[in-house]
Amino acid sequence: MNESLKIKKIVGLGLLTALLMVFQFIGNYIAIGPVNINLSLVIIALGAIVYGPLSGLFLGLINGVITIISPSTLALFMPVSPVGTILICLLKTGLAGLLAGLIYKLFEKIKKPKIGAVFAGFLLPIVNTLIFAGGSLIFFQPLLNQSINANMPNAFMVLILGFIGVNFFVEIGVTTLLT
């Protein structure tokens, strides 16, 4: 990669990082239920598509750090499992960004970049949510068990209906459309 392209990539990633931070901080205050909507998934997807899988990973990790210090994470998840909170926050968006970039590259190789962009935007929130769900079942059982009631008789129902629910559908719709 020549110097001009390196500089453009650094500047582009810097701008996307700034946008990601703004979107994530705004998203910290938009919640449906106890979990915030991750508006910055769009930025992670765009970074992965434009600059590659490692850029998606980088933006995802930045997103994870911001999520760790968000008020809802500090109040709800950190007291239950600090290690679990940090792992989940970093892995869910980091790996999702990496995979979005890899998916796009795969479609780019077969000369279908538009389809690749749609799939990257569609799969990113799915990977993000699956890692969150799996990690929650491993690290946050006490929190999930506290919310069991007649409408949600087990931890899995609490996770799906209480913590993920509508947020997942909003994230997948917004990320797919805007990407």
N, C-alpha and C. Protein backbone atom coordinates (compact mmCIF):
# COMPACT_ATOMS: atom_id res chain seq x y z
N MET A 1 0.85 -1.17 0.00
CA MET A 1 0.00 0.00 0.00
C MET A 1 0.90 1.24 0.00
N ASN A 2 0.64 2.15 -0.93
CA ASN A 2 1.49 3.34 -0.98
C ASN A 2 1.12 4.34 0.11
N GLU A 3 1.97 5.32 0.31
CA GLU A 3 1.81 6.29 1.41
C GLU A 3 0.48 7.03 1.35
N SER A 4 0.06 7.41 0.15
CA SER A 4 -1.19 8.16 0.01
C SER A 4 -2.39 7.32 0.47
N LEU A 5 -2.41 6.04 0.10
CA LEU A 5 -3.51 5.17 0.53
C LEU A 5 -3.48 4.92 2.03
N LYS A 6 -2.29 4.79 2.59
CA LYS A 6 -2.16 4.61 4.04
C LYS A 6 -2.72 5.82 4.78
N ILE A 7 -2.38 7.00 4.31
CA ILE A 7 -2.85 8.24 4.94
C ILE A 7 -4.37 8.33 4.83
N LYS A 8 -4.92 8.01 3.66
CA LYS A 8 -6.37 8.05 3.47
C LYS A 8 -7.06 7.05 4.40
N LYS A 9 -6.48 5.89 4.57
CA LYS A 9 -7.07 4.88 5.46
C LYS A 9 -7.02 5.34 6.91
N ILE A 10 -5.91 5.92 7.34
CA ILE A 10 -5.78 6.41 8.71
C ILE A 10 -6.79 7.53 8.97
N VAL A 11 -6.89 8.45 8.03
CA VAL A 11 -7.84 9.56 8.18
C VAL A 11 -9.28 9.02 8.18
N GLY A 12 -9.57 8.12 7.27
CA GLY A 12 -10.90 7.53 7.20
C GLY A 12 -11.28 6.79 8.48
N LEU A 13 -10.35 6.00 9.00
CA LEU A 13 -10.60 5.29 10.25
C LEU A 13 -10.75 6.26 11.41
N GLY A 14 -10.00 7.34 11.39
CA GLY A 14 -10.13 8.36 12.43
C GLY A 14 -11.52 8.99 12.42
N LEU A 15 -11.99 9.31 11.22
CA LEU A 15 -13.34 9.88 11.10
C LEU A 15 -14.41 8.88 11.52
N LEU A 16 -14.26 7.63 11.10
CA LEU A 16 -15.24 6.60 11.50
C LEU A 16 -15.20 6.37 13.01
N THR A 17 -14.01 6.43 13.60
CA THR A 17 -13.90 6.27 15.05
C THR A 17 -14.62 7.41 15.77
N ALA A 18 -14.46 8.62 15.28
CA ALA A 18 -15.16 9.76 15.88
C ALA A 18 -16.68 9.60 15.75
N LEU A 19 -17.14 9.19 14.56
CA LEU A 19 -18.57 8.96 14.36
C LEU A 19 -19.08 7.83 15.26
N LEU A 20 -18.30 6.77 15.37
CA LEU A 20 -18.67 5.65 16.22
C LEU A 20 -18.85 6.11 17.66
N MET A 21 -17.93 6.93 18.13
CA MET A 21 -18.02 7.41 19.51
C MET A 21 -19.28 8.25 19.71
N VAL A 22 -19.59 9.10 18.76
CA VAL A 22 -20.80 9.92 18.86
C VAL A 22 -22.04 9.03 18.85
N PHE A 23 -22.11 8.09 17.91
CA PHE A 23 -23.27 7.19 17.82
C PHE A 23 -23.40 6.35 19.08
N GLN A 24 -22.28 5.86 19.61
CA GLN A 24 -22.33 5.01 20.79
C GLN A 24 -22.76 5.81 22.02
N PHE A 25 -22.23 7.01 22.19
CA PHE A 25 -22.64 7.82 23.33
C PHE A 25 -24.12 8.20 23.24
N ILE A 26 -24.60 8.51 22.04
CA ILE A 26 -26.03 8.78 21.86
C ILE A 26 -26.82 7.52 22.19
N GLY A 27 -26.36 6.38 21.68
CA GLY A 27 -27.05 5.11 21.92
C GLY A 27 -27.08 4.72 23.39
N ASN A 28 -26.14 5.21 24.18
CA ASN A 28 -26.14 4.91 25.62
C ASN A 28 -27.39 5.43 26.31
N TYR A 29 -28.06 6.37 25.68
CA TYR A 29 -29.24 6.97 26.29
C TYR A 29 -30.53 6.64 25.54
N ILE A 30 -30.45 5.71 24.58
CA ILE A 30 -31.64 5.23 23.88
C ILE A 30 -31.78 3.75 24.21
N ALA A 31 -32.75 3.43 25.03
CA ALA A 31 -32.93 2.05 25.45
C ALA A 31 -34.37 1.61 25.26
N ILE A 32 -34.51 0.35 24.91
CA ILE A 32 -35.81 -0.30 24.92
C ILE A 32 -35.65 -1.42 25.92
N GLY A 33 -36.27 -1.29 27.07
CA GLY A 33 -36.02 -2.24 28.15
C GLY A 33 -34.70 -1.89 28.82
N PRO A 34 -34.02 -2.88 29.39
CA PRO A 34 -32.80 -2.60 30.14
C PRO A 34 -31.54 -2.47 29.30
N VAL A 35 -31.60 -2.76 28.00
CA VAL A 35 -30.40 -2.76 27.16
C VAL A 35 -30.49 -1.64 26.13
N ASN A 36 -29.37 -0.96 25.90
CA ASN A 36 -29.33 0.15 24.94
C ASN A 36 -29.24 -0.37 23.51
N ILE A 37 -29.75 0.44 22.59
CA ILE A 37 -29.66 0.12 21.17
C ILE A 37 -28.28 0.55 20.68
N ASN A 38 -27.61 -0.33 19.96
CA ASN A 38 -26.25 -0.07 19.49
C ASN A 38 -26.30 0.52 18.09
N LEU A 39 -26.45 1.83 18.01
CA LEU A 39 -26.51 2.52 16.72
C LEU A 39 -25.18 2.49 15.98
N SER A 40 -24.09 2.31 16.70
CA SER A 40 -22.76 2.36 16.10
C SER A 40 -22.42 1.11 15.29
N LEU A 41 -23.30 0.11 15.30
CA LEU A 41 -23.05 -1.08 14.46
C LEU A 41 -22.93 -0.69 12.99
N VAL A 42 -23.67 0.33 12.59
CA VAL A 42 -23.60 0.81 11.21
C VAL A 42 -22.18 1.28 10.88
N ILE A 43 -21.57 2.00 11.79
CA ILE A 43 -20.21 2.52 11.57
C ILE A 43 -19.20 1.37 11.51
N ILE A 44 -19.38 0.38 12.38
CA ILE A 44 -18.49 -0.79 12.37
C ILE A 44 -18.61 -1.50 11.03
N ALA A 45 -19.83 -1.69 10.56
CA ALA A 45 -20.05 -2.36 9.26
C ALA A 45 -19.41 -1.57 8.13
N LEU A 46 -19.60 -0.26 8.11
CA LEU A 46 -19.01 0.56 7.05
C LEU A 46 -17.48 0.51 7.08
N GLY A 47 -16.91 0.56 8.27
CA GLY A 47 -15.45 0.46 8.39
C GLY A 47 -14.94 -0.88 7.89
N ALA A 48 -15.65 -1.95 8.23
CA ALA A 48 -15.25 -3.29 7.79
C ALA A 48 -15.34 -3.42 6.28
N ILE A 49 -16.36 -2.82 5.70
CA ILE A 49 -16.57 -2.90 4.25
C ILE A 49 -15.53 -2.05 3.50
N VAL A 50 -15.35 -0.83 3.92
CA VAL A 50 -14.47 0.10 3.20
C VAL A 50 -12.99 -0.18 3.44
N TYR A 51 -12.62 -0.49 4.69
CA TYR A 51 -11.20 -0.62 5.03
C TYR A 51 -10.76 -2.03 5.40
N GLY A 52 -11.68 -2.98 5.42
CA GLY A 52 -11.29 -4.37 5.63
C GLY A 52 -11.62 -4.92 7.01
N PRO A 53 -11.45 -6.24 7.15
CA PRO A 53 -11.81 -6.94 8.39
C PRO A 53 -11.07 -6.44 9.64
N LEU A 54 -9.80 -6.13 9.52
CA LEU A 54 -9.06 -5.64 10.70
C LEU A 54 -9.56 -4.28 11.16
N SER A 55 -10.01 -3.48 10.23
CA SER A 55 -10.61 -2.19 10.60
C SER A 55 -11.95 -2.41 11.29
N GLY A 56 -12.71 -3.40 10.82
CA GLY A 56 -13.95 -3.77 11.51
C GLY A 56 -13.68 -4.23 12.93
N LEU A 57 -12.63 -5.02 13.10
CA LEU A 57 -12.22 -5.47 14.42
C LEU A 57 -11.84 -4.28 15.30
N PHE A 58 -11.03 -3.39 14.76
CA PHE A 58 -10.59 -2.20 15.50
C PHE A 58 -11.78 -1.36 15.96
N LEU A 59 -12.69 -1.06 15.03
CA LEU A 59 -13.86 -0.24 15.38
C LEU A 59 -14.75 -0.98 16.39
N GLY A 60 -14.87 -2.29 16.23
CA GLY A 60 -15.64 -3.08 17.18
C GLY A 60 -15.05 -3.05 18.58
N LEU A 61 -13.73 -3.10 18.67
CA LEU A 61 -13.07 -3.03 19.98
C LEU A 61 -13.25 -1.66 20.62
N ILE A 62 -13.17 -0.61 19.82
CA ILE A 62 -13.42 0.74 20.33
C ILE A 62 -14.85 0.82 20.86
N ASN A 63 -15.77 0.28 20.10
CA ASN A 63 -17.17 0.25 20.53
C ASN A 63 -17.31 -0.51 21.85
N GLY A 64 -16.59 -1.62 21.98
CA GLY A 64 -16.65 -2.41 23.21
C GLY A 64 -16.15 -1.64 24.41
N VAL A 65 -15.07 -0.88 24.24
CA VAL A 65 -14.54 -0.07 25.35
C VAL A 65 -15.56 0.97 25.79
N ILE A 66 -16.20 1.62 24.82
CA ILE A 66 -17.22 2.63 25.15
C ILE A 66 -18.40 1.96 25.86
N THR A 67 -18.77 0.78 25.41
CA THR A 67 -19.87 0.05 26.05
C THR A 67 -19.53 -0.29 27.50
N ILE A 68 -18.29 -0.68 27.75
CA ILE A 68 -17.88 -1.02 29.11
C ILE A 68 -18.09 0.15 30.07
N ILE A 69 -17.81 1.36 29.60
CA ILE A 69 -17.92 2.53 30.49
C ILE A 69 -19.29 3.21 30.43
N SER A 70 -20.25 2.61 29.70
CA SER A 70 -21.58 3.22 29.63
C SER A 70 -22.31 3.06 30.96
N PRO A 71 -23.18 3.99 31.29
CA PRO A 71 -23.88 3.94 32.57
C PRO A 71 -24.66 2.64 32.81
N SER A 72 -25.36 2.14 31.80
CA SER A 72 -26.15 0.92 32.00
C SER A 72 -25.26 -0.30 32.22
N THR A 73 -24.13 -0.37 31.52
CA THR A 73 -23.21 -1.50 31.71
C THR A 73 -22.61 -1.46 33.11
N LEU A 74 -22.18 -0.28 33.52
CA LEU A 74 -21.59 -0.15 34.85
C LEU A 74 -22.59 -0.47 35.96
N ALA A 75 -23.85 -0.09 35.74
CA ALA A 75 -24.86 -0.31 36.78
C ALA A 75 -25.42 -1.73 36.78
N LEU A 76 -25.63 -2.31 35.61
CA LEU A 76 -26.35 -3.57 35.51
C LEU A 76 -25.44 -4.79 35.45
N PHE A 77 -24.43 -4.77 34.60
CA PHE A 77 -23.63 -5.96 34.35
C PHE A 77 -22.32 -6.03 35.15
N MET A 78 -21.63 -4.91 35.28
CA MET A 78 -20.33 -4.91 35.94
C MET A 78 -20.39 -5.44 37.39
N PRO A 79 -21.42 -5.10 38.19
CA PRO A 79 -21.46 -5.64 39.55
C PRO A 79 -21.62 -7.17 39.61
N VAL A 80 -22.22 -7.75 38.58
CA VAL A 80 -22.44 -9.20 38.57
C VAL A 80 -21.17 -9.94 38.17
N SER A 81 -20.49 -9.48 37.11
CA SER A 81 -19.27 -10.14 36.64
C SER A 81 -18.40 -9.16 35.86
N PRO A 82 -17.44 -8.54 36.52
CA PRO A 82 -16.56 -7.60 35.81
C PRO A 82 -15.80 -8.26 34.65
N VAL A 83 -15.26 -9.45 34.86
CA VAL A 83 -14.51 -10.14 33.80
C VAL A 83 -15.45 -10.50 32.65
N GLY A 84 -16.61 -11.03 32.98
CA GLY A 84 -17.59 -11.37 31.94
C GLY A 84 -18.04 -10.15 31.16
N THR A 85 -18.25 -9.05 31.85
CA THR A 85 -18.68 -7.81 31.19
C THR A 85 -17.63 -7.34 30.20
N ILE A 86 -16.39 -7.32 30.61
CA ILE A 86 -15.30 -6.85 29.73
C ILE A 86 -15.15 -7.79 28.53
N LEU A 87 -15.14 -9.09 28.78
CA LEU A 87 -15.00 -10.06 27.68
C LEU A 87 -16.14 -9.93 26.67
N ILE A 88 -17.35 -9.90 27.16
CA ILE A 88 -18.51 -9.83 26.26
C ILE A 88 -18.49 -8.52 25.48
N CYS A 89 -18.25 -7.41 26.16
CA CYS A 89 -18.27 -6.11 25.48
C CYS A 89 -17.23 -6.01 24.37
N LEU A 90 -16.05 -6.56 24.62
CA LEU A 90 -14.99 -6.49 23.61
C LEU A 90 -15.20 -7.51 22.49
N LEU A 91 -15.61 -8.72 22.86
CA LEU A 91 -15.76 -9.78 21.85
C LEU A 91 -16.95 -9.58 20.93
N LYS A 92 -18.07 -9.13 21.48
CA LYS A 92 -19.30 -9.10 20.66
C LYS A 92 -19.18 -8.16 19.46
N THR A 93 -18.69 -6.98 19.66
CA THR A 93 -18.58 -6.07 18.52
C THR A 93 -17.25 -6.23 17.78
N GLY A 94 -16.19 -6.64 18.50
CA GLY A 94 -14.91 -6.87 17.84
C GLY A 94 -15.00 -8.00 16.82
N LEU A 95 -15.49 -9.15 17.26
CA LEU A 95 -15.63 -10.29 16.33
C LEU A 95 -16.68 -10.02 15.26
N ALA A 96 -17.75 -9.33 15.63
CA ALA A 96 -18.78 -9.00 14.64
C ALA A 96 -18.21 -8.12 13.53
N GLY A 97 -17.39 -7.14 13.90
CA GLY A 97 -16.76 -6.27 12.90
C GLY A 97 -15.79 -7.03 12.01
N LEU A 98 -15.01 -7.92 12.62
CA LEU A 98 -14.07 -8.75 11.85
C LEU A 98 -14.83 -9.64 10.86
N LEU A 99 -15.87 -10.31 11.33
CA LEU A 99 -16.64 -11.19 10.45
C LEU A 99 -17.37 -10.43 9.35
N ALA A 100 -17.86 -9.23 9.67
CA ALA A 100 -18.51 -8.42 8.64
C ALA A 100 -17.53 -8.10 7.51
N GLY A 101 -16.31 -7.76 7.87
CA GLY A 101 -15.29 -7.49 6.86
C GLY A 101 -14.94 -8.71 6.04
N LEU A 102 -14.85 -9.87 6.69
CA LEU A 102 -14.54 -11.12 5.98
C LEU A 102 -15.67 -11.50 5.03
N ILE A 103 -16.91 -11.34 5.48
CA ILE A 103 -18.07 -11.64 4.63
C ILE A 103 -18.05 -10.75 3.39
N TYR A 104 -17.82 -9.45 3.61
CA TYR A 104 -17.78 -8.53 2.48
C TYR A 104 -16.68 -8.92 1.50
N LYS A 105 -15.49 -9.23 2.01
CA LYS A 105 -14.37 -9.62 1.14
C LYS A 105 -14.73 -10.86 0.31
N LEU A 106 -15.42 -11.79 0.92
CA LEU A 106 -15.84 -13.01 0.21
C LEU A 106 -16.73 -12.66 -0.97
N PHE A 107 -17.71 -11.80 -0.75
CA PHE A 107 -18.61 -11.40 -1.84
C PHE A 107 -17.91 -10.51 -2.85
N GLU A 108 -16.96 -9.72 -2.41
CA GLU A 108 -16.20 -8.87 -3.31
C GLU A 108 -15.39 -9.72 -4.29
N LYS A 109 -14.86 -10.84 -3.82
CA LYS A 109 -14.08 -11.73 -4.69
C LYS A 109 -14.93 -12.34 -5.80
N ILE A 110 -16.21 -12.54 -5.54
CA ILE A 110 -17.08 -13.13 -6.57
C ILE A 110 -17.86 -12.04 -7.33
N LYS A 111 -17.35 -10.81 -7.21
CA LYS A 111 -17.89 -9.66 -7.95
C LYS A 111 -19.33 -9.32 -7.58
N LYS A 112 -19.67 -9.47 -6.28
CA LYS A 112 -21.00 -9.12 -5.78
C LYS A 112 -20.88 -8.22 -4.54
N PRO A 113 -20.21 -7.07 -4.67
CA PRO A 113 -19.95 -6.24 -3.49
C PRO A 113 -21.22 -5.68 -2.83
N LYS A 114 -22.25 -5.37 -3.62
CA LYS A 114 -23.49 -4.83 -3.02
C LYS A 114 -24.16 -5.87 -2.15
N ILE A 115 -24.20 -7.10 -2.64
CA ILE A 115 -24.77 -8.19 -1.84
C ILE A 115 -23.91 -8.42 -0.60
N GLY A 116 -22.60 -8.32 -0.76
CA GLY A 116 -21.69 -8.46 0.37
C GLY A 116 -21.92 -7.39 1.43
N ALA A 117 -22.18 -6.17 1.01
CA ALA A 117 -22.44 -5.08 1.96
C ALA A 117 -23.74 -5.34 2.73
N VAL A 118 -24.76 -5.81 2.03
CA VAL A 118 -26.04 -6.12 2.68
C VAL A 118 -25.85 -7.25 3.70
N PHE A 119 -25.16 -8.31 3.28
CA PHE A 119 -24.92 -9.43 4.20
C PHE A 119 -24.07 -9.01 5.39
N ALA A 120 -23.06 -8.20 5.16
CA ALA A 120 -22.21 -7.73 6.26
C ALA A 120 -23.05 -6.93 7.26
N GLY A 121 -23.88 -6.04 6.75
CA GLY A 121 -24.75 -5.24 7.62
C GLY A 121 -25.80 -6.08 8.33
N PHE A 122 -26.24 -7.14 7.69
CA PHE A 122 -27.25 -8.02 8.27
C PHE A 122 -26.65 -8.94 9.33
N LEU A 123 -25.48 -9.49 9.05
CA LEU A 123 -24.87 -10.46 9.96
C LEU A 123 -24.19 -9.83 11.17
N LEU A 124 -23.75 -8.61 11.05
CA LEU A 124 -23.06 -7.97 12.17
C LEU A 124 -23.92 -7.94 13.44
N PRO A 125 -25.17 -7.47 13.40
CA PRO A 125 -25.97 -7.48 14.63
C PRO A 125 -26.33 -8.90 15.09
N ILE A 126 -26.39 -9.85 14.17
CA ILE A 126 -26.67 -11.23 14.57
C ILE A 126 -25.51 -11.77 15.39
N VAL A 127 -24.28 -11.61 14.90
CA VAL A 127 -23.10 -12.08 15.63
C VAL A 127 -22.99 -11.35 16.96
N ASN A 128 -23.19 -10.04 16.95
CA ASN A 128 -23.14 -9.23 18.16
C ASN A 128 -24.13 -9.77 19.20
N THR A 129 -25.35 -10.04 18.79
CA THR A 129 -26.39 -10.51 19.71
C THR A 129 -26.14 -11.93 20.18
N LEU A 130 -25.67 -12.80 19.29
CA LEU A 130 -25.39 -14.18 19.70
C LEU A 130 -24.28 -14.24 20.75
N ILE A 131 -23.24 -13.42 20.58
CA ILE A 131 -22.16 -13.40 21.57
C ILE A 131 -22.67 -12.82 22.89
N PHE A 132 -23.48 -11.77 22.81
CA PHE A 132 -24.08 -11.21 24.01
C PHE A 132 -24.95 -12.24 24.73
N ALA A 133 -25.78 -12.95 23.97
CA ALA A 133 -26.68 -13.94 24.57
C ALA A 133 -25.90 -15.08 25.21
N GLY A 134 -24.95 -15.62 24.48
CA GLY A 134 -24.14 -16.72 25.03
C GLY A 134 -23.36 -16.29 26.26
N GLY A 135 -22.74 -15.13 26.18
CA GLY A 135 -22.00 -14.61 27.32
C GLY A 135 -22.89 -14.33 28.52
N SER A 136 -24.09 -13.85 28.26
CA SER A 136 -25.03 -13.58 29.35
C SER A 136 -25.44 -14.85 30.06
N LEU A 137 -25.66 -15.91 29.29
CA LEU A 137 -26.03 -17.19 29.90
C LEU A 137 -24.88 -17.76 30.73
N ILE A 138 -23.66 -17.45 30.33
CA ILE A 138 -22.49 -17.94 31.08
C ILE A 138 -22.19 -17.07 32.30
N PHE A 139 -22.16 -15.75 32.13
CA PHE A 139 -21.67 -14.86 33.18
C PHE A 139 -22.76 -14.19 34.03
N PHE A 140 -23.97 -14.08 33.51
CA PHE A 140 -24.98 -13.27 34.18
C PHE A 140 -26.21 -14.04 34.64
N GLN A 141 -26.04 -15.33 34.95
CA GLN A 141 -27.17 -16.13 35.45
C GLN A 141 -27.84 -15.49 36.67
N PRO A 142 -27.07 -14.99 37.65
CA PRO A 142 -27.75 -14.38 38.81
C PRO A 142 -28.66 -13.21 38.41
N LEU A 143 -28.20 -12.39 37.49
CA LEU A 143 -29.00 -11.25 37.03
C LEU A 143 -30.25 -11.74 36.30
N LEU A 144 -30.09 -12.73 35.44
CA LEU A 144 -31.22 -13.28 34.71
C LEU A 144 -32.21 -13.94 35.67
N ASN A 145 -31.71 -14.68 36.64
CA ASN A 145 -32.58 -15.38 37.59
C ASN A 145 -33.39 -14.42 38.45
N GLN A 146 -32.85 -13.24 38.72
CA GLN A 146 -33.58 -12.22 39.50
C GLN A 146 -34.84 -11.76 38.80
N SER A 147 -34.85 -11.85 37.48
CA SER A 147 -35.97 -11.32 36.69
C SER A 147 -37.00 -12.38 36.33
N ILE A 148 -36.81 -13.61 36.78
CA ILE A 148 -37.78 -14.67 36.47
C ILE A 148 -39.11 -14.34 37.16
N ASN A 149 -40.20 -14.47 36.40
CA ASN A 149 -41.54 -14.26 36.94
C ASN A 149 -42.53 -15.11 36.15
N ALA A 150 -43.81 -14.90 36.36
CA ALA A 150 -44.84 -15.71 35.69
C ALA A 150 -44.80 -15.54 34.17
N ASN A 151 -44.50 -14.34 33.70
CA ASN A 151 -44.44 -14.10 32.25
C ASN A 151 -43.16 -14.62 31.62
N MET A 152 -42.09 -14.67 32.40
CA MET A 152 -40.79 -15.14 31.92
C MET A 152 -40.28 -16.18 32.92
N PRO A 153 -40.69 -17.46 32.72
CA PRO A 153 -40.45 -18.48 33.75
C PRO A 153 -39.03 -19.05 33.84
N ASN A 154 -38.11 -18.65 32.95
CA ASN A 154 -36.74 -19.16 33.04
C ASN A 154 -35.75 -18.11 32.53
N ALA A 155 -34.47 -18.34 32.80
CA ALA A 155 -33.42 -17.38 32.45
C ALA A 155 -33.35 -17.12 30.95
N PHE A 156 -33.57 -18.15 30.14
CA PHE A 156 -33.52 -17.97 28.69
C PHE A 156 -34.62 -17.02 28.22
N MET A 157 -35.81 -17.16 28.77
CA MET A 157 -36.92 -16.27 28.39
C MET A 157 -36.62 -14.84 28.83
N VAL A 158 -36.05 -14.67 30.01
CA VAL A 158 -35.68 -13.34 30.49
C VAL A 158 -34.67 -12.72 29.53
N LEU A 159 -33.69 -13.50 29.11
CA LEU A 159 -32.66 -13.01 28.20
C LEU A 159 -33.27 -12.59 26.86
N ILE A 160 -34.07 -13.46 26.27
CA ILE A 160 -34.64 -13.19 24.95
C ILE A 160 -35.69 -12.08 25.00
N LEU A 161 -36.64 -12.19 25.92
CA LEU A 161 -37.73 -11.21 25.95
C LEU A 161 -37.37 -9.93 26.71
N GLY A 162 -36.55 -10.06 27.74
CA GLY A 162 -36.24 -8.90 28.57
C GLY A 162 -35.04 -8.11 28.12
N PHE A 163 -33.96 -8.81 27.78
CA PHE A 163 -32.71 -8.11 27.48
C PHE A 163 -32.48 -7.91 25.98
N ILE A 164 -32.88 -8.86 25.17
CA ILE A 164 -32.61 -8.75 23.73
C ILE A 164 -33.83 -8.19 23.02
N GLY A 165 -34.92 -8.92 23.01
CA GLY A 165 -36.21 -8.48 22.50
C GLY A 165 -36.19 -7.59 21.29
N VAL A 166 -36.85 -6.46 21.43
CA VAL A 166 -37.05 -5.51 20.34
C VAL A 166 -35.72 -4.90 19.88
N ASN A 167 -34.77 -4.74 20.81
CA ASN A 167 -33.48 -4.14 20.44
C ASN A 167 -32.84 -4.85 19.25
N PHE A 168 -32.89 -6.18 19.27
CA PHE A 168 -32.27 -6.96 18.19
C PHE A 168 -32.89 -6.61 16.85
N PHE A 169 -34.20 -6.53 16.80
CA PHE A 169 -34.87 -6.26 15.52
C PHE A 169 -34.61 -4.82 15.05
N VAL A 170 -34.53 -3.89 15.98
CA VAL A 170 -34.20 -2.52 15.60
C VAL A 170 -32.77 -2.46 15.07
N GLU A 171 -31.84 -3.10 15.78
CA GLU A 171 -30.43 -3.09 15.35
C GLU A 171 -30.25 -3.75 13.99
N ILE A 172 -30.89 -4.90 13.79
CA ILE A 172 -30.71 -5.59 12.51
C ILE A 172 -31.33 -4.79 11.36
N GLY A 173 -32.48 -4.17 11.59
CA GLY A 173 -33.12 -3.38 10.55
C GLY A 173 -32.31 -2.14 10.21
N VAL A 174 -31.91 -1.38 11.23
CA VAL A 174 -31.17 -0.14 11.01
C VAL A 174 -29.81 -0.44 10.37
N THR A 175 -29.09 -1.44 10.89
CA THR A 175 -27.76 -1.73 10.37
C THR A 175 -27.82 -2.22 8.93
N THR A 176 -28.77 -3.10 8.63
CA THR A 176 -28.89 -3.62 7.26
C THR A 176 -29.25 -2.50 6.29
N LEU A 177 -30.23 -1.70 6.65
CA LEU A 177 -30.69 -0.62 5.74
C LEU A 177 -29.60 0.43 5.52
N LEU A 178 -28.98 0.89 6.58
CA LEU A 178 -28.00 1.97 6.43
C LEU A 178 -26.67 1.50 5.84
N THR A 179 -26.32 0.25 6.07
CA THR A 179 -25.08 -0.24 5.49
C THR A 179 -25.25 -0.37 3.99
